[in-house]
Amino acid sequence: MNEQILSQIWSKQLFNHKNLRSLQGEYLQIIHPGFLNKHAGADFQEAHILLNDFAWIGCIELHVLASDWLLHAHHHDASFENVILHVVWKADLPIYYQDGREIPTLELCHLVPETKIVESLPQSTNSIPCQSLFSDTPHVLKTQMLSLCAEQRMQIKLESILELWNKNQQDWEETFYQSLGKSFGFGLNAEPMLRLTQAIPLKLILRNRDRPLGIEAAMMGLAGMLEEPIKDEYQWGLRREFIHLKKKYQWENAYLHISDWKFLRLRPANFPTIRMAQFAEVVRNNCSLLSILLEIQDLKVIQNLFEISPSSYWQKHYHFGKTSNKPLGQMGKSTFYSLCINTLIPILLAYAHIKKELKYTEKAYRWLFEMDAENNVVSRIYAELGLKIHNAHDSQACLHWYKHYCQAKKCLSCQVGQHILL
């Protein structure tokens, strides 16, 4: 047994659920096992369980032995305090929260038949169902699927913008600001970045746009980055400014905690501290981003607006008290393209949809065709099968194609699959 197999057993729920109880004797029902977390923090996020008919939503941590909790030093990590169930193969030791309460534990070694262990052995995912026949399929069908998948993927992003727009009482500027902040989280830290922008409204940023230190202090403070221990004088300066802002705006405490942010497995240039500092400067220097986005036609001009370096401190540091051997601060082209794909283009599409302005839709797709193709594991799958991926339109289409057709085994909904099977 290892944690990879244990993860498959939990994800697929390959164990006996009859009269399920925790080791503490509580009646246990699994409503949803949660979503696999490949980064720092507990193994599964947003799980939903019932303990003695009381609902819990939170994280699940998996270990072969319960004592691995201590071996991995989770008892010193605040981010593991939201674990609602400790799932172990063997429970060799009771494990406790930092406040002394025992963590609910499920032992699986007596609940999993041997045949289920075989089922749980991980399978290769770097393939598609029609892999051996894909290259012989007419090129026109692949081109049609690329167009269809790109349009469907952009529609999903458009709908996400409109959902946020409605939550913001149909305020386009605030919606753009929040969506851009979320995109600066680059997936891993997207959710806490969105929460941060919701805690600091755009009007507060613009009101203090001549005080860059104040804006940075507000963001870092509410993000929980200015909590003790303080590492250097720059952080002390931000903390002093944040204390003043807390009194001025009647903020009670930090809105987020340092444990909400992911640093593990990220390159220093992608640390949330760096991205937060970049985001603050972009917004501060461009007080009407939406108007600029609507008016400017040249993508390169927009890119120049984002090539703003943060304060000199963040050009030399990737975290408080931690210097970098390489210069930091200014974002690269691939980073800007990611912001375009996840915010700028969806905002244009959503605005065009509401205002019935076709010119913004045309501009959005023109930019998508102008941007370089993304190089990721999914785009490489199709490229290795002979599909030419020319630009971001094609690489975004591949992501949608793979997730919503190939992985979902919806071959009869795919034009390539129909050609092969019918």
Protein backbone atom coordinates (compact mmCIF):
# COMPACT_ATOMS: atom_id res chain seq x y z
CA MET A 1 0.00 0.00 0.00
CA ASN A 2 1.15 3.53 -0.77
CA GLU A 3 -0.50 6.96 -0.79
CA GLN A 4 -1.02 6.95 -4.57
CA ILE A 5 -3.08 3.74 -4.41
CA LEU A 6 -4.82 4.99 -1.25
CA SER A 7 -5.75 8.18 -3.12
CA GLN A 8 -7.37 6.13 -5.90
CA ILE A 9 -9.28 4.04 -3.35
CA TRP A 10 -10.64 7.18 -1.70
CA SER A 11 -11.34 9.06 -4.95
CA LYS A 12 -13.29 6.12 -6.44
CA GLN A 13 -14.76 5.12 -3.02
CA LEU A 14 -13.59 1.51 -3.45
CA PHE A 15 -14.45 0.33 0.06
CA ASN A 16 -17.37 -1.10 2.00
CA HIS A 17 -19.72 1.70 3.10
CA LYS A 18 -22.13 -0.50 5.08
CA ASN A 19 -22.48 0.63 8.71
CA LEU A 20 -19.49 2.91 8.24
CA ARG A 21 -18.07 4.41 11.43
CA SER A 22 -15.05 6.49 12.35
CA LEU A 23 -12.55 5.05 14.81
CA GLN A 24 -14.10 7.39 17.38
CA GLY A 25 -17.41 5.52 16.98
CA GLU A 26 -19.27 8.19 15.00
CA TYR A 27 -21.66 7.15 12.23
CA LEU A 28 -20.01 8.21 8.97
CA GLN A 29 -21.52 8.89 5.56
CA ILE A 30 -19.51 10.12 2.56
CA ILE A 31 -21.59 12.59 0.53
CA HIS A 32 -18.70 13.72 -1.70
CA PRO A 33 -15.04 12.62 -1.41
CA GLY A 34 -13.75 16.06 -2.47
CA PHE A 35 -11.39 17.12 -5.22
CA LEU A 36 -7.78 15.96 -5.50
CA ASN A 37 -5.28 18.66 -4.47
CA LYS A 38 -1.91 18.31 -6.25
CA HIS A 39 -0.30 21.16 -4.34
CA ALA A 40 0.40 22.19 -0.76
CA GLY A 41 -2.27 21.39 1.81
CA ALA A 42 -4.55 18.44 2.49
CA ASP A 43 -4.95 15.75 -0.20
CA PHE A 44 -8.64 16.34 -1.03
CA GLN A 45 -10.46 19.68 -0.87
CA GLU A 46 -14.18 20.54 -0.53
CA ALA A 47 -15.22 17.11 0.74
CA HIS A 48 -18.70 16.67 2.23
CA ILE A 49 -19.36 14.09 4.96
CA LEU A 50 -21.88 13.38 7.71
CA LEU A 51 -20.69 12.50 11.21
CA ASN A 52 -23.61 11.36 13.40
CA ASP A 53 -25.89 13.11 10.84
CA PHE A 54 -24.03 16.41 11.32
CA ALA A 55 -22.75 17.85 8.02
CA TRP A 56 -19.08 18.77 7.60
CA ILE A 57 -17.45 20.38 4.54
CA GLY A 58 -13.67 20.62 4.44
CA CYS A 59 -10.48 18.72 3.66
CA ILE A 60 -9.52 15.04 3.73
CA GLU A 61 -5.94 13.99 4.48
CA LEU A 62 -4.70 10.49 3.49
CA HIS A 63 -1.88 8.48 5.04
CA VAL A 64 -0.81 4.84 4.94
CA LEU A 65 -0.17 5.06 8.69
CA ALA A 66 -1.91 7.54 10.97
CA SER A 67 1.47 8.41 12.51
CA ASP A 68 2.56 9.81 9.13
CA TRP A 69 0.62 12.93 10.19
CA LEU A 70 3.39 13.61 12.72
CA LEU A 71 6.14 12.41 10.38
CA HIS A 72 5.03 15.02 7.82
CA ALA A 73 4.78 17.71 10.54
CA HIS A 74 1.11 18.47 9.83
CA HIS A 75 0.59 19.09 13.56
CA HIS A 76 2.66 22.28 13.14
CA ASP A 77 0.84 23.47 9.99
CA ALA A 78 -2.28 25.63 10.49
CA SER A 79 -3.59 24.79 7.00
CA PHE A 80 -4.33 21.23 8.22
CA GLU A 81 -6.66 22.46 10.95
CA ASN A 82 -9.53 22.36 8.43
CA VAL A 83 -9.18 18.58 7.91
CA ILE A 84 -12.56 17.03 8.71
CA LEU A 85 -11.51 13.39 8.27
CA HIS A 86 -8.16 11.59 8.44
CA VAL A 87 -8.32 8.56 6.11
CA VAL A 88 -5.62 5.97 6.84
CA TRP A 89 -4.81 2.43 5.77
CA LYS A 90 -3.81 1.53 9.32
CA ALA A 91 -4.45 3.57 12.46
CA ASP A 92 -1.35 3.04 14.54
CA LEU A 93 -1.75 6.22 16.60
CA PRO A 94 -4.52 8.67 17.58
CA ILE A 95 -3.99 12.11 15.96
CA TYR A 96 -5.13 15.43 17.41
CA TYR A 97 -5.89 18.98 16.29
CA GLN A 98 -3.73 21.73 17.78
CA ASP A 99 -6.44 22.45 20.38
CA GLY A 100 -6.27 18.87 21.69
CA ARG A 101 -9.41 17.42 20.03
CA GLU A 102 -8.97 14.04 18.34
CA ILE A 103 -9.29 14.18 14.53
CA PRO A 104 -12.07 11.92 13.17
CA THR A 105 -10.32 8.96 11.53
CA LEU A 106 -11.40 6.29 9.06
CA GLU A 107 -9.30 3.09 8.84
CA LEU A 108 -9.59 1.32 5.48
CA CYS A 109 -7.45 -1.83 5.75
CA HIS A 110 -10.45 -3.97 6.77
CA LEU A 111 -12.88 -2.33 4.34
CA VAL A 112 -11.18 -2.80 0.94
CA PRO A 113 -11.40 -6.15 -0.92
CA GLU A 114 -8.27 -7.25 -2.77
CA THR A 115 -10.04 -6.88 -6.13
CA LYS A 116 -10.68 -3.21 -5.35
CA ILE A 117 -6.98 -2.65 -4.65
CA VAL A 118 -6.22 -3.95 -8.16
CA GLU A 119 -8.85 -1.53 -9.57
CA SER A 120 -7.18 1.33 -7.75
CA LEU A 121 -3.81 0.89 -9.47
CA PRO A 122 -3.23 4.17 -11.35
CA GLN A 123 -3.73 4.18 -15.11
CA SER A 124 -1.94 6.32 -17.66
CA THR A 125 -3.90 9.47 -18.52
CA ASN A 126 -1.60 10.75 -21.27
CA SER A 127 -3.73 9.35 -24.07
CA ILE A 128 -7.11 9.70 -25.76
CA PRO A 129 -9.52 6.83 -26.60
CA CYS A 130 -8.96 7.07 -30.37
CA GLN A 131 -5.21 7.55 -30.14
CA SER A 132 -4.31 4.76 -32.60
CA LEU A 133 -6.79 6.04 -35.22
CA PHE A 134 -6.57 9.79 -34.67
CA SER A 135 -3.90 10.52 -37.27
CA ASP A 136 -5.92 8.78 -40.03
CA THR A 137 -9.01 10.95 -39.43
CA PRO A 138 -9.69 13.68 -42.05
CA HIS A 139 -8.00 16.96 -41.14
CA VAL A 140 -11.19 18.96 -41.75
CA LEU A 141 -12.94 17.14 -38.89
CA LYS A 142 -10.13 18.01 -36.48
CA THR A 143 -10.24 21.64 -37.57
CA GLN A 144 -13.99 21.72 -37.02
CA MET A 145 -13.57 20.24 -33.54
CA LEU A 146 -10.92 22.84 -32.69
CA SER A 147 -13.31 25.64 -33.66
CA LEU A 148 -16.20 24.07 -31.74
CA CYS A 149 -14.15 23.41 -28.61
CA ALA A 150 -12.58 26.88 -28.58
CA GLU A 151 -16.02 28.46 -28.82
CA GLN A 152 -17.40 26.24 -26.03
CA ARG A 153 -14.42 27.00 -23.78
CA MET A 154 -14.79 30.76 -24.31
CA GLN A 155 -18.52 30.45 -23.61
CA ILE A 156 -17.75 28.89 -20.21
CA LYS A 157 -15.35 31.75 -19.41
CA LEU A 158 -17.94 34.31 -20.61
CA GLU A 159 -20.58 32.81 -18.31
CA SER A 160 -18.16 32.94 -15.38
CA ILE A 161 -17.64 36.67 -15.98
CA LEU A 162 -21.39 37.30 -16.19
CA GLU A 163 -21.92 35.43 -12.91
CA LEU A 164 -19.37 37.68 -11.21
CA TRP A 165 -20.89 40.74 -12.93
CA ASN A 166 -24.31 39.97 -11.47
CA LYS A 167 -22.81 39.49 -8.01
CA ASN A 168 -21.27 42.96 -8.39
CA GLN A 169 -24.65 44.56 -9.21
CA GLN A 170 -23.64 44.69 -12.89
CA ASP A 171 -20.61 46.90 -12.23
CA TRP A 172 -18.22 46.26 -15.14
CA GLU A 173 -15.17 48.01 -13.63
CA GLU A 174 -15.42 46.11 -10.33
CA THR A 175 -15.99 42.85 -12.19
CA PHE A 176 -12.94 43.40 -14.38
CA TYR A 177 -10.85 44.28 -11.31
CA GLN A 178 -11.92 41.16 -9.41
CA SER A 179 -11.54 38.84 -12.40
CA LEU A 180 -8.08 40.23 -13.12
CA GLY A 181 -7.09 39.71 -9.49
CA LYS A 182 -8.29 36.12 -9.69
CA SER A 183 -6.24 35.59 -12.86
CA PHE A 184 -3.15 36.93 -11.10
CA GLY A 185 -3.57 33.95 -8.77
CA PHE A 186 -2.83 31.71 -11.79
CA GLY A 187 -5.06 28.79 -10.80
CA LEU A 188 -3.35 27.73 -7.61
CA ASN A 189 -3.98 31.00 -5.76
CA ALA A 190 -6.94 32.19 -7.83
CA GLU A 191 -9.58 31.71 -5.13
CA PRO A 192 -7.77 33.64 -2.36
CA MET A 193 -6.88 36.40 -4.84
CA LEU A 194 -10.57 36.76 -5.73
CA ARG A 195 -11.48 36.95 -2.04
CA LEU A 196 -8.79 39.58 -1.54
CA THR A 197 -10.14 41.81 -4.33
CA GLN A 198 -13.61 41.46 -2.86
CA ALA A 199 -12.25 42.66 0.48
CA ILE A 200 -10.50 45.68 -1.11
CA PRO A 201 -12.90 47.34 -3.57
CA LEU A 202 -11.51 49.07 -6.64
CA LYS A 203 -12.61 52.50 -5.43
CA LEU A 204 -10.30 52.14 -2.42
CA ILE A 205 -7.35 51.37 -4.73
CA LEU A 206 -8.12 54.38 -6.92
CA ARG A 207 -8.59 56.64 -3.89
CA ASN A 208 -5.04 55.78 -2.79
CA ARG A 209 -3.40 55.48 -6.22
CA ASP A 210 -0.82 58.16 -5.32
CA ARG A 211 0.25 56.09 -2.28
CA PRO A 212 1.71 52.82 -3.64
CA LEU A 213 2.99 51.78 -0.20
CA GLY A 214 -0.53 52.15 1.20
CA ILE A 215 -2.08 49.99 -1.51
CA GLU A 216 0.55 47.30 -1.04
CA ALA A 217 0.11 47.43 2.74
CA ALA A 218 -3.66 47.02 2.38
CA MET A 219 -3.31 44.02 0.07
CA MET A 220 -0.52 42.31 1.98
CA GLY A 221 -2.18 43.02 5.32
CA LEU A 222 -5.63 41.71 4.40
CA ALA A 223 -3.95 38.76 2.69
CA GLY A 224 -2.40 37.78 6.03
CA MET A 225 1.17 38.39 4.81
CA LEU A 226 2.02 40.87 7.58
CA GLU A 227 1.44 38.58 10.54
CA GLU A 228 4.29 37.89 12.92
CA PRO A 229 7.07 36.91 12.85
CA ILE A 230 8.22 39.95 10.86
CA LYS A 231 11.23 39.18 8.65
CA ASP A 232 12.71 42.59 7.72
CA GLU A 233 12.31 46.36 7.89
CA TYR A 234 10.25 46.57 4.70
CA GLN A 235 7.67 44.23 6.14
CA TRP A 236 7.68 46.28 9.36
CA GLY A 237 6.96 49.40 7.31
CA LEU A 238 4.02 47.74 5.58
CA ARG A 239 2.71 46.45 8.91
CA ARG A 240 2.80 49.94 10.44
CA GLU A 241 0.94 51.31 7.40
CA PHE A 242 -1.60 48.49 7.60
CA ILE A 243 -2.31 49.21 11.27
CA HIS A 244 -3.10 52.82 10.28
CA LEU A 245 -5.37 51.64 7.41
CA LYS A 246 -7.18 49.18 9.68
CA LYS A 247 -8.20 52.03 11.95
CA LYS A 248 -9.09 54.31 9.05
CA TYR A 249 -11.31 51.79 7.24
CA GLN A 250 -12.40 49.91 10.39
CA TRP A 251 -10.99 46.57 9.31
CA GLU A 252 -10.99 44.15 12.20
CA ASN A 253 -8.14 41.84 11.24
CA ALA A 254 -6.46 40.19 8.28
CA TYR A 255 -9.15 38.95 5.90
CA LEU A 256 -7.09 35.90 4.88
CA HIS A 257 -4.36 33.88 6.57
CA ILE A 258 -0.90 32.99 5.31
CA SER A 259 -2.03 29.33 5.22
CA ASP A 260 -4.61 30.24 2.53
CA TRP A 261 -1.80 30.85 0.04
CA LYS A 262 0.12 28.18 -1.85
CA PHE A 263 3.89 28.51 -2.29
CA LEU A 264 4.95 24.86 -2.62
CA ARG A 265 6.09 23.73 -6.11
CA LEU A 266 5.90 27.28 -7.47
CA ARG A 267 8.79 29.09 -9.06
CA PRO A 268 9.67 32.24 -7.03
CA ALA A 269 8.42 34.46 -9.88
CA ASN A 270 4.95 32.91 -9.37
CA PHE A 271 4.83 33.34 -5.59
CA PRO A 272 1.62 35.10 -4.49
CA THR A 273 3.69 37.88 -2.91
CA ILE A 274 5.20 38.76 -6.30
CA ARG A 275 1.89 38.44 -8.16
CA MET A 276 0.11 40.57 -5.55
CA ALA A 277 2.70 43.33 -5.88
CA GLN A 278 2.44 43.20 -9.70
CA PHE A 279 -1.36 43.31 -9.59
CA ALA A 280 -1.36 46.32 -7.26
CA GLU A 281 0.89 48.27 -9.62
CA VAL A 282 -1.07 47.37 -12.77
CA VAL A 283 -4.35 48.53 -11.22
CA ARG A 284 -2.81 51.62 -9.63
CA ASN A 285 -1.23 52.78 -12.90
CA ASN A 286 -4.28 52.13 -15.09
CA CYS A 287 -7.27 53.67 -13.35
CA SER A 288 -9.75 52.77 -16.11
CA LEU A 289 -8.69 49.39 -17.41
CA LEU A 290 -12.04 48.54 -18.95
CA SER A 291 -12.14 51.68 -21.11
CA ILE A 292 -8.59 50.98 -22.26
CA LEU A 293 -9.48 47.39 -23.07
CA LEU A 294 -12.50 48.43 -25.13
CA GLU A 295 -10.73 51.18 -27.06
CA ILE A 296 -7.31 49.74 -27.91
CA GLN A 297 -7.09 47.37 -30.87
CA ASP A 298 -3.43 46.37 -30.74
CA LEU A 299 -2.70 43.54 -28.28
CA LYS A 300 0.92 44.67 -27.99
CA VAL A 301 -0.20 48.07 -26.67
CA ILE A 302 -2.25 46.33 -23.96
CA GLN A 303 0.74 44.15 -23.12
CA ASN A 304 2.89 47.26 -22.58
CA LEU A 305 0.41 48.45 -19.94
CA PHE A 306 1.00 45.26 -17.98
CA GLU A 307 4.79 45.43 -18.21
CA ILE A 308 5.01 47.46 -15.02
CA SER A 309 7.57 46.58 -12.40
CA PRO A 310 6.51 46.58 -8.74
CA SER A 311 8.49 48.38 -6.04
CA SER A 312 12.25 47.91 -5.99
CA TYR A 313 11.89 45.58 -2.99
CA TRP A 314 9.91 43.04 -5.01
CA GLN A 315 12.41 43.19 -7.85
CA LYS A 316 14.95 41.65 -5.46
CA HIS A 317 12.78 39.57 -3.09
CA TYR A 318 10.30 36.74 -3.68
CA HIS A 319 9.10 36.67 -0.07
CA PHE A 320 9.66 38.87 2.95
CA GLY A 321 13.26 38.51 4.06
CA LYS A 322 14.15 36.18 1.14
CA THR A 323 16.26 37.63 -1.66
CA SER A 324 16.47 36.30 -5.20
CA ASN A 325 19.62 35.74 -7.22
CA LYS A 326 17.71 36.67 -10.36
CA PRO A 327 15.84 39.93 -11.01
CA LEU A 328 12.09 39.61 -10.41
CA GLY A 329 9.06 41.78 -10.93
CA GLN A 330 8.21 42.29 -14.60
CA MET A 331 5.91 39.66 -16.07
CA GLY A 332 6.83 37.75 -19.21
CA LYS A 333 4.84 37.29 -22.41
CA SER A 334 3.41 33.89 -21.40
CA THR A 335 2.17 35.35 -18.12
CA PHE A 336 0.45 38.20 -19.94
CA TYR A 337 -1.12 35.76 -22.40
CA SER A 338 -2.51 33.77 -19.48
CA LEU A 339 -4.14 36.95 -18.13
CA CYS A 340 -5.58 37.60 -21.60
CA ILE A 341 -7.07 34.13 -21.91
CA ASN A 342 -8.58 34.11 -18.43
CA THR A 343 -9.76 37.72 -18.04
CA LEU A 344 -9.20 40.19 -20.89
CA ILE A 345 -10.76 38.11 -23.66
CA PRO A 346 -13.65 36.77 -21.50
CA ILE A 347 -14.44 40.36 -20.40
CA LEU A 348 -14.60 41.46 -24.05
CA LEU A 349 -16.87 38.53 -24.90
CA ALA A 350 -19.16 39.15 -21.93
CA TYR A 351 -19.36 42.89 -22.67
CA ALA A 352 -20.14 42.16 -26.32
CA HIS A 353 -22.84 39.70 -25.27
CA ILE A 354 -24.61 42.21 -23.00
CA LYS A 355 -24.15 45.26 -25.22
CA LYS A 356 -24.79 43.36 -28.48
CA GLU A 357 -21.54 44.76 -29.91
CA LEU A 358 -20.06 42.28 -32.40
CA LYS A 359 -16.85 44.31 -32.77
CA TYR A 360 -15.69 43.29 -29.29
CA THR A 361 -16.29 39.61 -30.04
CA GLU A 362 -14.26 39.94 -33.24
CA LYS A 363 -11.42 41.63 -31.37
CA ALA A 364 -11.42 38.97 -28.67
CA TYR A 365 -11.05 36.13 -31.18
CA ARG A 366 -8.47 38.06 -33.21
CA TRP A 367 -6.32 38.36 -30.10
CA LEU A 368 -6.82 34.65 -29.36
CA PHE A 369 -5.44 33.82 -32.81
CA GLU A 370 -2.54 36.29 -32.40
CA MET A 371 -1.24 34.76 -29.16
CA ASP A 372 1.28 31.92 -29.11
CA ALA A 373 -0.01 28.41 -28.41
CA GLU A 374 0.34 27.20 -24.83
CA ASN A 375 2.80 24.38 -24.28
CA ASN A 376 1.25 21.99 -21.77
CA VAL A 377 0.76 18.26 -21.31
CA VAL A 378 -2.63 18.30 -23.08
CA SER A 379 -1.54 20.26 -26.13
CA ARG A 380 1.46 17.94 -26.45
CA ILE A 381 -0.84 14.88 -26.55
CA TYR A 382 -2.56 16.19 -29.67
CA ALA A 383 0.66 17.54 -31.19
CA GLU A 384 2.30 14.13 -30.86
CA LEU A 385 -0.65 12.67 -32.79
CA GLY A 386 0.07 15.03 -35.69
CA LEU A 387 -2.38 17.86 -34.95
CA LYS A 388 -0.93 21.28 -35.78
CA ILE A 389 -1.47 23.69 -32.89
CA HIS A 390 -0.76 27.16 -34.22
CA ASN A 391 -1.95 29.58 -31.53
CA ALA A 392 -3.78 30.08 -28.22
CA HIS A 393 -7.11 29.45 -29.95
CA ASP A 394 -5.96 25.92 -30.80
CA SER A 395 -4.32 25.15 -27.45
CA GLN A 396 -7.41 26.36 -25.54
CA ALA A 397 -9.54 24.18 -27.81
CA CYS A 398 -7.36 21.17 -27.00
CA LEU A 399 -7.88 21.68 -23.27
CA HIS A 400 -11.65 21.68 -23.73
CA TRP A 401 -11.57 18.79 -26.21
CA TYR A 402 -9.53 16.62 -23.83
CA LYS A 403 -11.56 17.36 -20.69
CA HIS A 404 -15.11 17.43 -22.04
CA TYR A 405 -14.89 14.83 -24.82
CA CYS A 406 -11.86 12.53 -24.52
CA GLN A 407 -11.69 12.13 -20.74
CA ALA A 408 -15.49 12.06 -20.48
CA LYS A 409 -15.58 9.34 -23.19
CA LYS A 410 -18.15 11.35 -25.17
CA CYS A 411 -16.83 10.01 -28.46
CA LEU A 412 -20.24 10.06 -30.16
CA SER A 413 -20.48 13.80 -29.48
CA CYS A 414 -17.07 14.37 -31.11
CA GLN A 415 -16.81 14.67 -34.88
CA VAL A 416 -13.60 12.62 -34.90
CA GLY A 417 -15.21 9.95 -32.73
CA GLN A 418 -18.29 9.82 -34.94
CA HIS A 419 -16.14 9.32 -38.04
CA ILE A 420 -14.33 6.41 -36.40
CA LEU A 421 -17.31 4.69 -34.76
CA LEU A 422 -20.19 5.24 -37.16
